[in-house]
PDB file of all heavy atoms in Angstrom:
ATOM      1  N   ALA A   1      14.458  14.895  15.074  1.00  0.00           N
ATOM      2  CA  ALA A   1      13.442  15.844  14.603  1.00  0.00           C
ATOM      3  C   ALA A   1      12.075  15.223  14.832  1.00  0.00           C
ATOM      4  O   ALA A   1      11.345  14.882  13.878  1.00  0.00           O
ATOM      5  CB  ALA A   1      13.665  16.146  13.135  1.00  0.00           C
ATOM      6  N   PRO A   2      11.638  15.072  16.087  1.00  0.00           N
ATOM      7  CA  PRO A   2      10.471  14.236  16.412  1.00  0.00           C
ATOM      8  C   PRO A   2       9.141  14.782  15.925  1.00  0.00           C
ATOM      9  O   PRO A   2       8.213  14.000  15.659  1.00  0.00           O
ATOM     10  CB  PRO A   2      10.521  14.155  17.945  1.00  0.00           C
ATOM     11  CG  PRO A   2      11.253  15.368  18.372  1.00  0.00           C
ATOM     12  CD  PRO A   2      12.280  15.580  17.302  1.00  0.00           C
ATOM     13  N   VAL A   3       8.971  16.082  15.816  1.00  0.00           N
ATOM     14  CA  VAL A   3       7.708  16.651  15.414  1.00  0.00           C
ATOM     15  C   VAL A   3       7.649  16.755  13.895  1.00  0.00           C
ATOM     16  O   VAL A   3       6.667  16.354  13.256  1.00  0.00           O
ATOM     17  CB  VAL A   3       7.448  17.995  16.071  1.00  0.00           C
ATOM     18  CG1 VAL A   3       6.173  18.650  15.528  1.00  0.00           C
ATOM     19  CG2 VAL A   3       7.402  17.845  17.571  1.00  0.00           C
ATOM     20  N   GLN A   4       8.696  17.296  13.280  1.00  0.00           N
ATOM     21  CA  GLN A   4       8.704  17.493  11.832  1.00  0.00           C
ATOM     22  C   GLN A   4       8.555  16.181  11.093  1.00  0.00           C
ATOM     23  O   GLN A   4       7.718  16.065  10.176  1.00  0.00           O
ATOM     24  CB  GLN A   4      10.011  18.178  11.425  1.00  0.00           C
ATOM     25  CG  GLN A   4      10.144  18.373   9.908  1.00  0.00           C
ATOM     26  CD  GLN A   4      11.549  18.838   9.517  1.00  0.00           C
ATOM     27  OE1 GLN A   4      12.459  18.837  10.321  1.00  0.00           O
ATOM     28  NE2 GLN A   4      11.695  19.218   8.259  1.00  0.00           N
ATOM     29  N   LEU A   5       9.345  15.172  11.448  1.00  0.00           N
ATOM     30  CA  LEU A   5       9.288  13.915  10.724  1.00  0.00           C
ATOM     31  C   LEU A   5       8.010  13.144  10.992  1.00  0.00           C
ATOM     32  O   LEU A   5       7.461  12.513  10.125  1.00  0.00           O
ATOM     33  CB  LEU A   5      10.528  13.055  11.042  1.00  0.00           C
ATOM     34  CG  LEU A   5      11.875  13.679  10.692  1.00  0.00           C
ATOM     35  CD1 LEU A   5      13.004  12.632  10.828  1.00  0.00           C
ATOM     36  CD2 LEU A   5      11.874  14.270   9.272  1.00  0.00           C
ATOM     37  N   ASN A   6       7.530  13.227  12.247  1.00  0.00           N
ATOM     38  CA  ASN A   6       6.255  12.554  12.578  1.00  0.00           C
ATOM     39  C   ASN A   6       5.150  13.150  11.738  1.00  0.00           C
ATOM     40  O   ASN A   6       4.253  12.432  11.264  1.00  0.00           O
ATOM     41  CB  ASN A   6       5.941  12.704  14.058  1.00  0.00           C
ATOM     42  CG  ASN A   6       4.746  11.907  14.477  1.00  0.00           C
ATOM     43  OD1 ASN A   6       4.812  10.739  14.815  1.00  0.00           O
ATOM     44  ND2 ASN A   6       3.591  12.560  14.473  1.00  0.00           N
ATOM     45  N   SER A   7       5.156  14.447  11.541  1.00  0.00           N
ATOM     46  CA  SER A   7       4.099  15.088  10.744  1.00  0.00           C
ATOM     47  C   SER A   7       4.097  14.567   9.297  1.00  0.00           C
ATOM     48  O   SER A   7       3.039  14.435   8.688  1.00  0.00           O
ATOM     49  CB  SER A   7       4.302  16.603  10.731  1.00  0.00           C
ATOM     50  OG  SER A   7       4.154  17.130  12.035  1.00  0.00           O
ATOM     51  N   MET A   8       5.270  14.270   8.772  1.00  0.00           N
ATOM     52  CA  MET A   8       5.354  13.716   7.415  1.00  0.00           C
ATOM     53  C   MET A   8       4.626  12.380   7.338  1.00  0.00           C
ATOM     54  O   MET A   8       4.026  12.033   6.319  1.00  0.00           O
ATOM     55  CB  MET A   8       6.808  13.564   7.009  1.00  0.00           C
ATOM     56  CG  MET A   8       7.557  14.883   6.844  1.00  0.00           C
ATOM     57  SD  MET A   8       9.276  14.572   6.379  1.00  0.00           S
ATOM     58  CE  MET A   8       9.928  16.241   6.359  1.00  0.00           C
ATOM     59  N   LEU A   9       4.688  11.598   8.426  1.00  0.00           N
ATOM     60  CA  LEU A   9       4.072  10.268   8.416  1.00  0.00           C
ATOM     61  C   LEU A   9       2.532  10.344   8.368  1.00  0.00           C
ATOM     62  O   LEU A   9       1.883   9.383   7.955  1.00  0.00           O
ATOM     63  CB  LEU A   9       4.517   9.452   9.608  1.00  0.00           C
ATOM     64  CG  LEU A   9       6.037   9.190   9.738  1.00  0.00           C
ATOM     65  CD1 LEU A   9       6.311   8.307  10.933  1.00  0.00           C
ATOM     66  CD2 LEU A   9       6.587   8.570   8.466  1.00  0.00           C
ATOM     67  N   GLY A  10       1.984  11.449   8.789  1.00  0.00           N
ATOM     68  CA  GLY A  10       0.518  11.600   8.828  1.00  0.00           C
ATOM     69  C   GLY A  10      -0.064  12.289   7.625  1.00  0.00           C
ATOM     70  O   GLY A  10      -1.257  12.612   7.611  1.00  0.00           O
ATOM     71  N   ALA A  11       0.735  12.502   6.567  1.00  0.00           N
ATOM     72  CA  ALA A  11       0.277  13.264   5.423  1.00  0.00           C
ATOM     73  C   ALA A  11      -0.982  12.675   4.783  1.00  0.00           C
ATOM     74  O   ALA A  11      -1.818  13.416   4.243  1.00  0.00           O
ATOM     75  CB  ALA A  11       1.389  13.346   4.382  1.00  0.00           C
ATOM     76  N   TYR A  12      -1.141  11.346   4.849  1.00  0.00           N
ATOM     77  CA  TYR A  12      -2.262  10.694   4.151  1.00  0.00           C
ATOM     78  C   TYR A  12      -3.212   9.978   5.130  1.00  0.00           C
ATOM     79  O   TYR A  12      -4.093   9.220   4.685  1.00  0.00           O
ATOM     80  CB  TYR A  12      -1.747   9.678   3.133  1.00  0.00           C
ATOM     81  CG  TYR A  12      -0.773  10.288   2.138  1.00  0.00           C
ATOM     82  CD1 TYR A  12       0.546   9.844   2.106  1.00  0.00           C
ATOM     83  CD2 TYR A  12      -1.168  11.282   1.292  1.00  0.00           C
ATOM     84  CE1 TYR A  12       1.447  10.410   1.198  1.00  0.00           C
ATOM     85  CE2 TYR A  12      -0.285  11.859   0.383  1.00  0.00           C
ATOM     86  CZ  TYR A  12       1.033  11.407   0.342  1.00  0.00           C
ATOM     87  OH  TYR A  12       1.903  11.981  -0.543  1.00  0.00           O
ATOM     88  N   THR A  13      -3.068  10.202   6.422  1.00  0.00           N
ATOM     89  CA  THR A  13      -3.864   9.462   7.399  1.00  0.00           C
ATOM     90  C   THR A  13      -4.748  10.325   8.280  1.00  0.00           C
ATOM     91  O   THR A  13      -5.781   9.873   8.756  1.00  0.00           O
ATOM     92  CB  THR A  13      -2.967   8.607   8.306  1.00  0.00           C
ATOM     93  OG1 THR A  13      -2.101   9.489   9.087  1.00  0.00           O
ATOM     94  CG2 THR A  13      -2.139   7.625   7.516  1.00  0.00           C
ATOM     95  N   ASN A  14      -4.359  11.557   8.549  1.00  0.00           N
ATOM     96  CA  ASN A  14      -4.987  12.330   9.642  1.00  0.00           C
ATOM     97  C   ASN A  14      -6.439  12.686   9.369  1.00  0.00           C
ATOM     98  O   ASN A  14      -7.179  12.937  10.341  1.00  0.00           O
ATOM     99  CB  ASN A  14      -4.201  13.622   9.861  1.00  0.00           C
ATOM    100  CG  ASN A  14      -2.850  13.374  10.551  1.00  0.00           C
ATOM    101  OD1 ASN A  14      -2.553  12.266  10.958  1.00  0.00           O
ATOM    102  ND2 ASN A  14      -2.062  14.415  10.657  1.00  0.00           N
ATOM    103  N   PHE A  15      -6.896  12.738   8.140  1.00  0.00           N
ATOM    104  CA  PHE A  15      -8.226  13.251   7.855  1.00  0.00           C
ATOM    105  C   PHE A  15      -9.319  12.175   8.018  1.00  0.00           C
ATOM    106  O   PHE A  15     -10.502  12.515   8.120  1.00  0.00           O
ATOM    107  CB  PHE A  15      -8.308  13.791   6.408  1.00  0.00           C
ATOM    108  CG  PHE A  15      -8.128  12.757   5.346  1.00  0.00           C
ATOM    109  CD1 PHE A  15      -9.213  12.018   4.893  1.00  0.00           C
ATOM    110  CD2 PHE A  15      -6.875  12.496   4.802  1.00  0.00           C
ATOM    111  CE1 PHE A  15      -9.057  11.048   3.894  1.00  0.00           C
ATOM    112  CE2 PHE A  15      -6.716  11.552   3.812  1.00  0.00           C
ATOM    113  CZ  PHE A  15      -7.798  10.806   3.372  1.00  0.00           C
ATOM    114  N   VAL A  16      -8.968  10.926   8.059  1.00  0.00           N
ATOM    115  CA  VAL A  16      -9.943   9.854   7.858  1.00  0.00           C
ATOM    116  C   VAL A  16     -11.002   9.811   8.963  1.00  0.00           C
ATOM    117  O   VAL A  16     -12.212   9.781   8.643  1.00  0.00           O
ATOM    118  CB  VAL A  16      -9.212   8.465   7.757  1.00  0.00           C
ATOM    119  CG1 VAL A  16     -10.201   7.325   7.718  1.00  0.00           C
ATOM    120  CG2 VAL A  16      -8.316   8.441   6.539  1.00  0.00           C
ATOM    121  N   ASN A  17     -10.618   9.854  10.212  1.00  0.00           N
ATOM    122  CA  ASN A  17     -11.620   9.795  11.280  1.00  0.00           C
ATOM    123  C   ASN A  17     -12.417  11.109  11.370  1.00  0.00           C
ATOM    124  O   ASN A  17     -13.628  11.080  11.675  1.00  0.00           O
ATOM    125  CB  ASN A  17     -10.960   9.489  12.614  1.00  0.00           C
ATOM    126  CG  ASN A  17     -10.672   8.014  12.772  1.00  0.00           C
ATOM    127  OD1 ASN A  17     -11.093   7.207  11.951  1.00  0.00           O
ATOM    128  ND2 ASN A  17      -9.951   7.638  13.804  1.00  0.00           N
ATOM    129  N   LEU A  18     -11.770  12.220  11.142  1.00  0.00           N
ATOM    130  CA  LEU A  18     -12.482  13.482  11.181  1.00  0.00           C
ATOM    131  C   LEU A  18     -13.623  13.519  10.154  1.00  0.00           C
ATOM    132  O   LEU A  18     -14.669  14.107  10.416  1.00  0.00           O
ATOM    133  CB  LEU A  18     -11.523  14.631  10.901  1.00  0.00           C
ATOM    134  CG  LEU A  18     -10.602  15.049  12.080  1.00  0.00           C
ATOM    135  CD1 LEU A  18      -9.435  15.845  11.536  1.00  0.00           C
ATOM    136  CD2 LEU A  18     -11.381  15.838  13.095  1.00  0.00           C
ATOM    137  N   LEU A  19     -13.393  12.874   9.025  1.00  0.00           N
ATOM    138  CA  LEU A  19     -14.388  12.884   7.966  1.00  0.00           C
ATOM    139  C   LEU A  19     -15.268  11.617   7.961  1.00  0.00           C
ATOM    140  O   LEU A  19     -15.976  11.319   6.984  1.00  0.00           O
ATOM    141  CB  LEU A  19     -13.715  13.039   6.616  1.00  0.00           C
ATOM    142  CG  LEU A  19     -12.981  14.365   6.422  1.00  0.00           C
ATOM    143  CD1 LEU A  19     -12.273  14.437   5.066  1.00  0.00           C
ATOM    144  CD2 LEU A  19     -13.958  15.541   6.551  1.00  0.00           C
ATOM    145  N   ASP A  20     -15.213  10.846   9.049  1.00  0.00           N
ATOM    146  CA  ASP A  20     -16.087   9.687   9.274  1.00  0.00           C
ATOM    147  C   ASP A  20     -15.939   8.666   8.168  1.00  0.00           C
ATOM    148  O   ASP A  20     -16.933   8.234   7.523  1.00  0.00           O
ATOM    149  CB  ASP A  20     -17.543  10.128   9.416  1.00  0.00           C
ATOM    150  CG  ASP A  20     -18.421   9.047  10.033  1.00  0.00           C
ATOM    151  OD1 ASP A  20     -17.844   8.096  10.637  1.00  0.00           O
ATOM    152  OD2 ASP A  20     -19.660   9.152   9.960  1.00  0.00           O
ATOM    153  N   MET A  21     -14.713   8.211   7.947  1.00  0.00           N
ATOM    154  CA  MET A  21     -14.410   7.234   6.925  1.00  0.00           C
ATOM    155  C   MET A  21     -13.835   5.972   7.560  1.00  0.00           C
ATOM    156  O   MET A  21     -13.315   5.992   8.680  1.00  0.00           O
ATOM    157  CB  MET A  21     -13.425   7.807   5.887  1.00  0.00           C
ATOM    158  CG  MET A  21     -13.925   9.003   5.142  1.00  0.00           C
ATOM    159  SD  MET A  21     -12.661   9.707   4.047  1.00  0.00           S
ATOM    160  CE  MET A  21     -13.515  11.116   3.375  1.00  0.00           C
ATOM    161  N   ALA A  22     -13.934   4.868   6.846  1.00  0.00           N
ATOM    162  CA  ALA A  22     -13.252   3.635   7.221  1.00  0.00           C
ATOM    163  C   ALA A  22     -12.010   3.477   6.344  1.00  0.00           C
ATOM    164  O   ALA A  22     -11.967   4.019   5.223  1.00  0.00           O
ATOM    165  CB  ALA A  22     -14.180   2.436   7.015  1.00  0.00           C
ATOM    166  N   ALA A  23     -11.013   2.748   6.836  1.00  0.00           N
ATOM    167  CA  ALA A  23      -9.775   2.630   6.057  1.00  0.00           C
ATOM    168  C   ALA A  23      -9.121   1.269   6.336  1.00  0.00           C
ATOM    169  O   ALA A  23      -9.250   0.703   7.429  1.00  0.00           O
ATOM    170  CB  ALA A  23      -8.802   3.746   6.434  1.00  0.00           C
ATOM    171  N   LEU A  24      -8.436   0.781   5.315  1.00  0.00           N
ATOM    172  CA  LEU A  24      -7.715  -0.483   5.426  1.00  0.00           C
ATOM    173  C   LEU A  24      -6.357  -0.330   4.784  1.00  0.00           C
ATOM    174  O   LEU A  24      -6.253  -0.131   3.549  1.00  0.00           O
ATOM    175  CB  LEU A  24      -8.506  -1.622   4.753  1.00  0.00           C
ATOM    176  CG  LEU A  24      -7.815  -3.008   4.686  1.00  0.00           C
ATOM    177  CD1 LEU A  24      -7.425  -3.503   6.078  1.00  0.00           C
ATOM    178  CD2 LEU A  24      -8.718  -4.008   4.000  1.00  0.00           C
ATOM    179  N   ALA A  25      -5.300  -0.396   5.578  1.00  0.00           N
ATOM    180  CA  ALA A  25      -3.936  -0.340   5.058  1.00  0.00           C
ATOM    181  C   ALA A  25      -3.528  -1.755   4.680  1.00  0.00           C
ATOM    182  O   ALA A  25      -3.767  -2.695   5.401  1.00  0.00           O
ATOM    183  CB  ALA A  25      -2.989   0.231   6.112  1.00  0.00           C
ATOM    184  N   LEU A  26      -2.841  -1.861   3.554  1.00  0.00           N
ATOM    185  CA  LEU A  26      -2.384  -3.186   3.088  1.00  0.00           C
ATOM    186  C   LEU A  26      -0.994  -3.045   2.478  1.00  0.00           C
ATOM    187  O   LEU A  26      -0.607  -1.995   1.952  1.00  0.00           O
ATOM    188  CB  LEU A  26      -3.347  -3.792   2.107  1.00  0.00           C
ATOM    189  CG  LEU A  26      -3.615  -3.069   0.781  1.00  0.00           C
ATOM    190  CD1 LEU A  26      -3.970  -4.083  -0.318  1.00  0.00           C
ATOM    191  CD2 LEU A  26      -4.796  -2.081   0.922  1.00  0.00           C
ATOM    192  N   PRO A  27      -0.193  -4.127   2.531  1.00  0.00           N
ATOM    193  CA  PRO A  27       1.169  -4.075   1.978  1.00  0.00           C
ATOM    194  C   PRO A  27       1.134  -3.971   0.468  1.00  0.00           C
ATOM    195  O   PRO A  27       0.320  -4.567  -0.206  1.00  0.00           O
ATOM    196  CB  PRO A  27       1.781  -5.421   2.413  1.00  0.00           C
ATOM    197  CG  PRO A  27       0.821  -6.015   3.429  1.00  0.00           C
ATOM    198  CD  PRO A  27      -0.507  -5.434   3.117  1.00  0.00           C
ATOM    199  N   ALA A  28       2.092  -3.188  -0.066  1.00  0.00           N
ATOM    200  CA  ALA A  28       2.175  -3.036  -1.512  1.00  0.00           C
ATOM    201  C   ALA A  28       3.598  -3.268  -2.036  1.00  0.00           C
ATOM    202  O   ALA A  28       3.770  -3.466  -3.257  1.00  0.00           O
ATOM    203  CB  ALA A  28       1.707  -1.668  -1.949  1.00  0.00           C
ATOM    204  N   GLY A  29       4.603  -3.286  -1.195  1.00  0.00           N
ATOM    205  CA  GLY A  29       5.946  -3.507  -1.674  1.00  0.00           C
ATOM    206  C   GLY A  29       6.968  -3.423  -0.566  1.00  0.00           C
ATOM    207  O   GLY A  29       6.658  -2.991   0.562  1.00  0.00           O
ATOM    208  N   ILE A  30       8.213  -3.761  -0.923  1.00  0.00           N
ATOM    209  CA  ILE A  30       9.312  -3.801   0.048  1.00  0.00           C
ATOM    210  C   ILE A  30      10.424  -2.894  -0.450  1.00  0.00           C
ATOM    211  O   ILE A  30      10.863  -3.003  -1.591  1.00  0.00           O
ATOM    212  CB  ILE A  30       9.854  -5.230   0.203  1.00  0.00           C
ATOM    213  CG1 ILE A  30       8.725  -6.203   0.613  1.00  0.00           C
ATOM    214  CG2 ILE A  30      10.992  -5.280   1.209  1.00  0.00           C
ATOM    215  CD1 ILE A  30       9.156  -7.654   0.597  1.00  0.00           C
ATOM    216  N   ARG A  31      10.865  -1.974   0.402  1.00  0.00           N
ATOM    217  CA  ARG A  31      12.002  -1.129   0.074  1.00  0.00           C
ATOM    218  C   ARG A  31      13.265  -1.975   0.187  1.00  0.00           C
ATOM    219  O   ARG A  31      13.309  -3.045   0.771  1.00  0.00           O
ATOM    220  CB  ARG A  31      12.094   0.051   1.016  1.00  0.00           C
ATOM    221  CG  ARG A  31      10.915   1.043   0.928  1.00  0.00           C
ATOM    222  CD  ARG A  31      11.152   2.222   1.860  1.00  0.00           C
ATOM    223  NE  ARG A  31       9.975   3.107   1.868  1.00  0.00           N
ATOM    224  CZ  ARG A  31       8.976   2.996   2.699  1.00  0.00           C
ATOM    225  NH1 ARG A  31       8.962   2.007   3.611  1.00  0.00           N
ATOM    226  NH2 ARG A  31       7.949   3.848   2.673  1.00  0.00           N
ATOM    227  N   ALA A  32      14.354  -1.387  -0.376  1.00  0.00           N
ATOM    228  CA  ALA A  32      15.656  -2.080  -0.319  1.00  0.00           C
ATOM    229  C   ALA A  32      16.106  -2.300   1.116  1.00  0.00           C
ATOM    230  O   ALA A  32      16.847  -3.258   1.418  1.00  0.00           O
ATOM    231  CB  ALA A  32      16.699  -1.280  -1.104  1.00  0.00           C
ATOM    232  N   ASN A  33      15.664  -1.436   2.043  1.00  0.00           N
ATOM    233  CA  ASN A  33      16.067  -1.591   3.417  1.00  0.00           C
ATOM    234  C   ASN A  33      15.167  -2.550   4.208  1.00  0.00           C
ATOM    235  O   ASN A  33      15.226  -2.632   5.410  1.00  0.00           O
ATOM    236  CB  ASN A  33      16.114  -0.228   4.125  1.00  0.00           C
ATOM    237  CG  ASN A  33      14.779   0.475   4.094  1.00  0.00           C
ATOM    238  OD1 ASN A  33      13.720  -0.113   4.049  1.00  0.00           O
ATOM    239  ND2 ASN A  33      14.811   1.826   4.107  1.00  0.00           N
ATOM    240  N   LYS A  34      14.268  -3.242   3.496  1.00  0.00           N
ATOM    241  CA  LYS A  34      13.372  -4.282   4.039  1.00  0.00           C
ATOM    242  C   LYS A  34      12.144  -3.730   4.771  1.00  0.00           C
ATOM    243  O   LYS A  34      11.333  -4.515   5.262  1.00  0.00           O
ATOM    244  CB  LYS A  34      14.126  -5.276   4.908  1.00  0.00           C
ATOM    245  CG  LYS A  34      15.233  -6.004   4.166  1.00  0.00           C
ATOM    246  CD  LYS A  34      15.942  -7.028   5.043  1.00  0.00           C
ATOM    247  CE  LYS A  34      17.075  -7.709   4.292  1.00  0.00           C
ATOM    248  NZ  LYS A  34      17.786  -8.707   5.105  1.00  0.00           N
ATOM    249  N   THR A  35      12.026  -2.416   4.877  1.00  0.00           N
ATOM    250  CA  THR A  35      10.805  -1.870   5.475  1.00  0.00           C
ATOM    251  C   THR A  35       9.690  -1.900   4.426  1.00  0.00           C
ATOM    252  O   THR A  35       9.927  -1.999   3.220  1.00  0.00           O
ATOM    253  CB  THR A  35      11.019  -0.434   5.941  1.00  0.00           C
ATOM    254  OG1 THR A  35      11.327   0.416   4.840  1.00  0.00           O
ATOM    255  CG2 THR A  35      12.167  -0.364   6.943  1.00  0.00           C
ATOM    256  N   GLY A  36       8.463  -1.808   4.914  1.00  0.00           N
ATOM    257  CA  GLY A  36       7.312  -1.946   4.014  1.00  0.00           C
ATOM    258  C   GLY A  36       6.794  -0.613   3.500  1.00  0.00           C
ATOM    259  O   GLY A  36       6.834   0.408   4.205  1.00  0.00           O
ATOM    260  N   PHE A  37       6.292  -0.641   2.296  1.00  0.00           N
ATOM    261  CA  PHE A  37       5.494   0.463   1.734  1.00  0.00           C
ATOM    262  C   PHE A  37       4.055  -0.035   1.634  1.00  0.00           C
ATOM    263  O   PHE A  37       3.786  -1.108   1.059  1.00  0.00           O
ATOM    264  CB  PHE A  37       5.990   0.913   0.378  1.00  0.00           C
ATOM    265  CG  PHE A  37       5.091   1.933  -0.268  1.00  0.00           C
ATOM    266  CD1 PHE A  37       5.155   3.247   0.103  1.00  0.00           C
ATOM    267  CD2 PHE A  37       4.136   1.559  -1.200  1.00  0.00           C
ATOM    268  CE1 PHE A  37       4.331   4.197  -0.483  1.00  0.00           C
ATOM    269  CE2 PHE A  37       3.294   2.473  -1.798  1.00  0.00           C
ATOM    270  CZ  PHE A  37       3.377   3.825  -1.427  1.00  0.00           C
ATOM    271  N   GLY A  38       3.123   0.743   2.180  1.00  0.00           N
ATOM    272  CA  GLY A  38       1.747   0.323   2.155  1.00  0.00           C
ATOM    273  C   GLY A  38       0.845   1.327   1.436  1.00  0.00           C
ATOM    274  O   GLY A  38       1.192   2.487   1.269  1.00  0.00           O
ATOM    275  N   ILE A  39      -0.274   0.825   1.010  1.00  0.00           N
ATOM    276  CA  ILE A  39      -1.343   1.667   0.428  1.00  0.00           C
ATOM    277  C   ILE A  39      -2.574   1.505   1.289  1.00  0.00           C
ATOM    278  O   ILE A  39      -2.707   0.534   2.027  1.00  0.00           O
ATOM    279  CB  ILE A  39      -1.647   1.288  -1.030  1.00  0.00           C
ATOM    280  CG1 ILE A  39      -2.016  -0.206  -1.141  1.00  0.00           C
ATOM    281  CG2 ILE A  39      -0.441   1.616  -1.922  1.00  0.00           C
ATOM    282  CD1 ILE A  39      -2.385  -0.656  -2.547  1.00  0.00           C
ATOM    283  N   THR A  40      -3.462   2.512   1.212  1.00  0.00           N
ATOM    284  CA  THR A  40      -4.653   2.463   2.081  1.00  0.00           C
ATOM    285  C   THR A  40      -5.905   2.679   1.224  1.00  0.00           C
ATOM    286  O   THR A  40      -5.990   3.675   0.489  1.00  0.00           O
ATOM    287  CB  THR A  40      -4.591   3.533   3.152  1.00  0.00           C
ATOM    288  OG1 THR A  40      -3.485   3.273   4.005  1.00  0.00           O
ATOM    289  CG2 THR A  40      -5.876   3.516   4.016  1.00  0.00           C
ATOM    290  N   LEU A  41      -6.840   1.766   1.341  1.00  0.00           N
ATOM    291  CA  LEU A  41      -8.161   1.900   0.753  1.00  0.00           C
ATOM    292  C   LEU A  41      -9.063   2.595   1.768  1.00  0.00           C
ATOM    293  O   LEU A  41      -9.056   2.243   2.952  1.00  0.00           O
ATOM    294  CB  LEU A  41      -8.724   0.519   0.395  1.00  0.00           C
ATOM    295  CG  LEU A  41      -8.120  -0.153  -0.838  1.00  0.00           C
ATOM    296  CD1 LEU A  41      -8.430  -1.642  -0.830  1.00  0.00           C
ATOM    297  CD2 LEU A  41      -8.631   0.501  -2.120  1.00  0.00           C
ATOM    298  N   ILE A  42      -9.826   3.557   1.296  1.00  0.00           N
ATOM    299  CA  ILE A  42     -10.658   4.364   2.181  1.00  0.00           C
ATOM    300  C   ILE A  42     -12.080   4.441   1.603  1.00  0.00           C
ATOM    301  O   ILE A  42     -12.254   4.607   0.389  1.00  0.00           O
ATOM    302  CB  ILE A  42     -10.087   5.786   2.328  1.00  0.00           C
ATOM    303  CG1 ILE A  42      -8.659   5.710   2.887  1.00  0.00           C
ATOM    304  CG2 ILE A  42     -10.947   6.663   3.220  1.00  0.00           C
ATOM    305  CD1 ILE A  42      -7.914   7.041   2.834  1.00  0.00           C
TER     306      ILE A  42
END
């Protein structure tokens, strides 16, 4: 499901450049599957 799931990944990122903002993603935790969960300061 390459379009549907990819769109979910952009739920909190797509607006930043359009609105002329700076952003910094940083690690916040580890899921049980060892992938990272991050938060973004804007």
